[in-house]
Amino acid sequence: MSPDVISAIYVSLIAMGIIFLVLSILIITIKALEKLIPYKAPPPPPAKKQAAPADDLETEAHVAAIASALTQALGRSPAEINIVRIDRA
């Protein structure tokens, strides 16, 4: 073999050795950090209160009744009235 091929093989072996050395150092560092600073999972988000289906139907009925009363009282068509929010007392 020519000296150029032999030097290319040496350079390749040295480069691969350095890469594996750096990867080994990274693995050791990560393992050490796992031991020093353990992972703590965040608490689960609070469960949202879901309305019962009967409540939804009742709410829709109330909105429909309020919209009907407003159209009669204001003398406007239902398309002109937009109910955005209803506050319960």
N, C-alpha and C. Protein backbone atom coordinates (compact mmCIF):
# COMPACT_ATOMS: atom_id res chain seq x y z
N MET A 1 0.84 -1.18 0.00
CA MET A 1 0.00 0.00 0.00
C MET A 1 0.88 1.24 0.00
N SER A 2 0.31 2.24 -0.59
CA SER A 2 1.09 3.49 -0.67
C SER A 2 0.98 4.24 0.66
N PRO A 3 1.94 5.10 0.90
CA PRO A 3 1.93 5.86 2.16
C PRO A 3 0.70 6.76 2.29
N ASP A 4 0.14 7.21 1.18
CA ASP A 4 -1.05 8.07 1.25
C ASP A 4 -2.26 7.29 1.79
N VAL A 5 -2.39 6.06 1.38
CA VAL A 5 -3.52 5.23 1.83
C VAL A 5 -3.36 4.93 3.32
N ILE A 6 -2.14 4.61 3.74
CA ILE A 6 -1.89 4.31 5.15
C ILE A 6 -2.16 5.53 6.01
N SER A 7 -1.73 6.71 5.57
CA SER A 7 -2.00 7.91 6.37
C SER A 7 -3.50 8.23 6.39
N ALA A 8 -4.23 7.96 5.30
CA ALA A 8 -5.67 8.18 5.29
C ALA A 8 -6.36 7.24 6.27
N ILE A 9 -5.89 6.01 6.36
CA ILE A 9 -6.46 5.05 7.31
C ILE A 9 -6.19 5.52 8.75
N TYR A 10 -4.97 5.99 9.04
CA TYR A 10 -4.64 6.48 10.37
C TYR A 10 -5.51 7.69 10.74
N VAL A 11 -5.68 8.59 9.80
CA VAL A 11 -6.50 9.78 10.08
C VAL A 11 -7.95 9.36 10.33
N SER A 12 -8.45 8.41 9.56
CA SER A 12 -9.82 7.94 9.76
C SER A 12 -9.98 7.29 11.13
N LEU A 13 -9.02 6.46 11.51
CA LEU A 13 -9.09 5.80 12.82
C LEU A 13 -9.02 6.82 13.95
N ILE A 14 -8.17 7.82 13.83
CA ILE A 14 -8.06 8.85 14.87
C ILE A 14 -9.38 9.64 14.94
N ALA A 15 -9.96 9.99 13.79
CA ALA A 15 -11.21 10.75 13.78
C ALA A 15 -12.34 9.94 14.42
N MET A 16 -12.44 8.64 14.06
CA MET A 16 -13.49 7.81 14.66
C MET A 16 -13.27 7.64 16.15
N GLY A 17 -12.02 7.52 16.57
CA GLY A 17 -11.72 7.40 18.00
C GLY A 17 -12.14 8.65 18.76
N ILE A 18 -11.87 9.82 18.19
CA ILE A 18 -12.26 11.08 18.84
C ILE A 18 -13.79 11.18 18.91
N ILE A 19 -14.46 10.81 17.84
CA ILE A 19 -15.93 10.88 17.84
C ILE A 19 -16.51 9.97 18.91
N PHE A 20 -16.03 8.73 19.01
CA PHE A 20 -16.55 7.82 20.02
C PHE A 20 -16.18 8.27 21.43
N LEU A 21 -15.04 8.89 21.59
CA LEU A 21 -14.65 9.43 22.89
C LEU A 21 -15.60 10.55 23.31
N VAL A 22 -15.90 11.46 22.40
CA VAL A 22 -16.82 12.56 22.71
C VAL A 22 -18.22 12.02 23.00
N LEU A 23 -18.69 11.06 22.22
CA LEU A 23 -20.00 10.47 22.48
C LEU A 23 -20.04 9.77 23.83
N SER A 24 -18.98 9.09 24.19
CA SER A 24 -18.92 8.44 25.50
C SER A 24 -18.97 9.46 26.63
N ILE A 25 -18.26 10.57 26.46
CA ILE A 25 -18.28 11.63 27.47
C ILE A 25 -19.70 12.21 27.60
N LEU A 26 -20.37 12.40 26.48
CA LEU A 26 -21.74 12.91 26.52
C LEU A 26 -22.68 11.93 27.23
N ILE A 27 -22.54 10.66 26.96
CA ILE A 27 -23.39 9.65 27.61
C ILE A 27 -23.16 9.66 29.11
N ILE A 28 -21.89 9.70 29.52
CA ILE A 28 -21.57 9.73 30.96
C ILE A 28 -22.12 10.99 31.61
N THR A 29 -22.01 12.13 30.92
CA THR A 29 -22.52 13.39 31.47
C THR A 29 -24.04 13.34 31.63
N ILE A 30 -24.73 12.80 30.65
CA ILE A 30 -26.19 12.71 30.73
C ILE A 30 -26.60 11.76 31.86
N LYS A 31 -25.95 10.64 31.99
CA LYS A 31 -26.27 9.71 33.07
C LYS A 31 -26.03 10.35 34.43
N ALA A 32 -24.94 11.12 34.56
CA ALA A 32 -24.65 11.79 35.84
C ALA A 32 -25.71 12.84 36.14
N LEU A 33 -26.14 13.58 35.13
CA LEU A 33 -27.18 14.59 35.35
C LEU A 33 -28.51 13.95 35.71
N GLU A 34 -28.80 12.78 35.16
CA GLU A 34 -30.03 12.07 35.53
C GLU A 34 -30.01 11.68 37.00
N LYS A 35 -28.85 11.32 37.51
CA LYS A 35 -28.74 10.95 38.92
C LYS A 35 -28.81 12.19 39.82
N LEU A 36 -28.16 13.28 39.41
CA LEU A 36 -28.13 14.49 40.24
C LEU A 36 -29.44 15.26 40.20
N ILE A 37 -30.05 15.35 39.03
CA ILE A 37 -31.29 16.12 38.86
C ILE A 37 -32.33 15.20 38.25
N PRO A 38 -33.07 14.46 39.09
CA PRO A 38 -34.06 13.53 38.53
C PRO A 38 -35.22 14.28 37.88
N TYR A 39 -35.82 13.66 36.88
CA TYR A 39 -36.94 14.27 36.17
C TYR A 39 -38.20 14.17 37.01
N LYS A 40 -38.90 15.28 37.12
CA LYS A 40 -40.18 15.31 37.83
C LYS A 40 -41.26 15.66 36.81
N ALA A 41 -42.22 14.79 36.66
CA ALA A 41 -43.29 15.03 35.70
C ALA A 41 -44.17 16.17 36.20
N PRO A 42 -44.62 17.05 35.31
CA PRO A 42 -45.49 18.13 35.73
C PRO A 42 -46.84 17.57 36.17
N PRO A 43 -47.51 18.27 37.09
CA PRO A 43 -48.81 17.77 37.54
C PRO A 43 -49.81 17.81 36.39
N PRO A 44 -50.74 16.87 36.39
CA PRO A 44 -51.72 16.87 35.31
C PRO A 44 -52.63 18.09 35.41
N PRO A 45 -53.10 18.59 34.27
CA PRO A 45 -53.97 19.76 34.33
C PRO A 45 -55.28 19.40 35.01
N PRO A 46 -55.88 20.36 35.71
CA PRO A 46 -57.13 20.05 36.40
C PRO A 46 -58.22 19.69 35.39
N ALA A 47 -59.03 18.76 35.77
CA ALA A 47 -60.11 18.31 34.89
C ALA A 47 -61.17 19.39 34.80
N LYS A 48 -61.62 19.64 33.58
CA LYS A 48 -62.66 20.63 33.38
C LYS A 48 -64.01 20.02 33.72
N LYS A 49 -64.83 20.84 34.34
CA LYS A 49 -66.17 20.38 34.67
C LYS A 49 -67.01 20.35 33.40
N GLN A 50 -67.54 19.20 33.11
CA GLN A 50 -68.35 19.06 31.93
C GLN A 50 -69.82 19.12 32.32
N ALA A 51 -70.55 19.89 31.56
CA ALA A 51 -71.98 20.01 31.83
C ALA A 51 -72.69 18.75 31.37
N ALA A 52 -73.72 18.41 32.09
CA ALA A 52 -74.51 17.25 31.72
C ALA A 52 -75.31 17.57 30.45
N PRO A 53 -75.64 16.59 29.66
CA PRO A 53 -76.41 16.86 28.44
C PRO A 53 -77.74 17.55 28.71
N ALA A 54 -78.35 17.24 29.84
CA ALA A 54 -79.62 17.89 30.18
C ALA A 54 -79.41 19.39 30.39
N ASP A 55 -78.27 19.77 30.99
CA ASP A 55 -77.98 21.19 31.19
C ASP A 55 -77.81 21.90 29.86
N ASP A 56 -77.19 21.23 28.88
CA ASP A 56 -77.01 21.84 27.57
C ASP A 56 -78.35 22.10 26.90
N LEU A 57 -79.25 21.12 26.98
CA LEU A 57 -80.56 21.30 26.38
C LEU A 57 -81.34 22.41 27.07
N GLU A 58 -81.20 22.46 28.41
CA GLU A 58 -81.89 23.51 29.17
C GLU A 58 -81.33 24.87 28.81
N THR A 59 -80.01 24.98 28.66
CA THR A 59 -79.38 26.25 28.30
C THR A 59 -79.82 26.68 26.91
N GLU A 60 -79.86 25.73 25.97
CA GLU A 60 -80.30 26.07 24.62
C GLU A 60 -81.76 26.53 24.63
N ALA A 61 -82.57 25.91 25.46
CA ALA A 61 -83.97 26.33 25.55
C ALA A 61 -84.08 27.74 26.12
N HIS A 62 -83.24 28.03 27.12
CA HIS A 62 -83.26 29.38 27.71
C HIS A 62 -82.81 30.43 26.69
N VAL A 63 -81.76 30.13 25.94
CA VAL A 63 -81.28 31.07 24.93
C VAL A 63 -82.35 31.30 23.87
N ALA A 64 -83.01 30.23 23.46
CA ALA A 64 -84.07 30.37 22.46
C ALA A 64 -85.22 31.21 22.99
N ALA A 65 -85.59 31.01 24.25
CA ALA A 65 -86.68 31.79 24.84
C ALA A 65 -86.30 33.25 24.97
N ILE A 66 -85.05 33.52 25.37
CA ILE A 66 -84.59 34.91 25.50
C ILE A 66 -84.55 35.57 24.14
N ALA A 67 -84.05 34.87 23.13
CA ALA A 67 -83.99 35.44 21.78
C ALA A 67 -85.39 35.73 21.25
N SER A 68 -86.33 34.83 21.51
CA SER A 68 -87.71 35.05 21.06
C SER A 68 -88.33 36.26 21.76
N ALA A 69 -88.08 36.38 23.06
CA ALA A 69 -88.62 37.52 23.81
C ALA A 69 -88.01 38.83 23.31
N LEU A 70 -86.71 38.82 23.00
CA LEU A 70 -86.07 40.04 22.50
C LEU A 70 -86.60 40.43 21.13
N THR A 71 -86.82 39.46 20.25
CA THR A 71 -87.35 39.80 18.93
C THR A 71 -88.74 40.40 19.03
N GLN A 72 -89.55 39.89 19.95
CA GLN A 72 -90.91 40.43 20.12
C GLN A 72 -90.85 41.82 20.75
N ALA A 73 -90.01 41.99 21.78
CA ALA A 73 -89.96 43.27 22.50
C ALA A 73 -89.34 44.37 21.66
N LEU A 74 -88.32 44.05 20.88
CA LEU A 74 -87.63 45.08 20.10
C LEU A 74 -88.23 45.25 18.71
N GLY A 75 -89.07 44.31 18.29
CA GLY A 75 -89.67 44.41 16.98
C GLY A 75 -88.68 44.20 15.85
N ARG A 76 -87.70 43.37 16.07
CA ARG A 76 -86.68 43.09 15.05
C ARG A 76 -86.76 41.62 14.64
N SER A 77 -86.07 41.31 13.55
CA SER A 77 -86.04 39.91 13.12
C SER A 77 -84.99 39.15 13.93
N PRO A 78 -85.13 37.84 14.04
CA PRO A 78 -84.16 37.05 14.82
C PRO A 78 -82.74 37.14 14.26
N ALA A 79 -82.57 37.41 12.96
CA ALA A 79 -81.23 37.51 12.38
C ALA A 79 -80.49 38.74 12.87
N GLU A 80 -81.22 39.76 13.32
CA GLU A 80 -80.59 41.01 13.79
C GLU A 80 -80.12 40.91 15.23
N ILE A 81 -80.55 39.90 15.95
CA ILE A 81 -80.22 39.77 17.37
C ILE A 81 -79.13 38.71 17.53
N ASN A 82 -78.08 39.10 18.24
CA ASN A 82 -76.96 38.19 18.50
C ASN A 82 -76.72 38.15 20.00
N ILE A 83 -77.04 37.05 20.64
CA ILE A 83 -76.83 36.91 22.08
C ILE A 83 -75.41 36.42 22.28
N VAL A 84 -74.63 37.23 22.99
CA VAL A 84 -73.22 36.90 23.18
C VAL A 84 -73.00 36.22 24.52
N ARG A 85 -73.61 36.74 25.58
CA ARG A 85 -73.37 36.21 26.91
C ARG A 85 -74.63 36.36 27.74
N ILE A 86 -74.89 35.36 28.57
CA ILE A 86 -76.02 35.41 29.50
C ILE A 86 -75.44 35.17 30.88
N ASP A 87 -75.60 36.14 31.76
CA ASP A 87 -75.14 36.00 33.15
C ASP A 87 -76.29 35.51 34.00
N ARG A 88 -76.03 34.46 34.73
CA ARG A 88 -77.06 33.94 35.65
C ARG A 88 -76.89 34.62 36.99
N ALA A 89 -77.98 34.97 37.57
CA ALA A 89 -77.95 35.66 38.86
C ALA A 89 -77.91 34.69 39.99
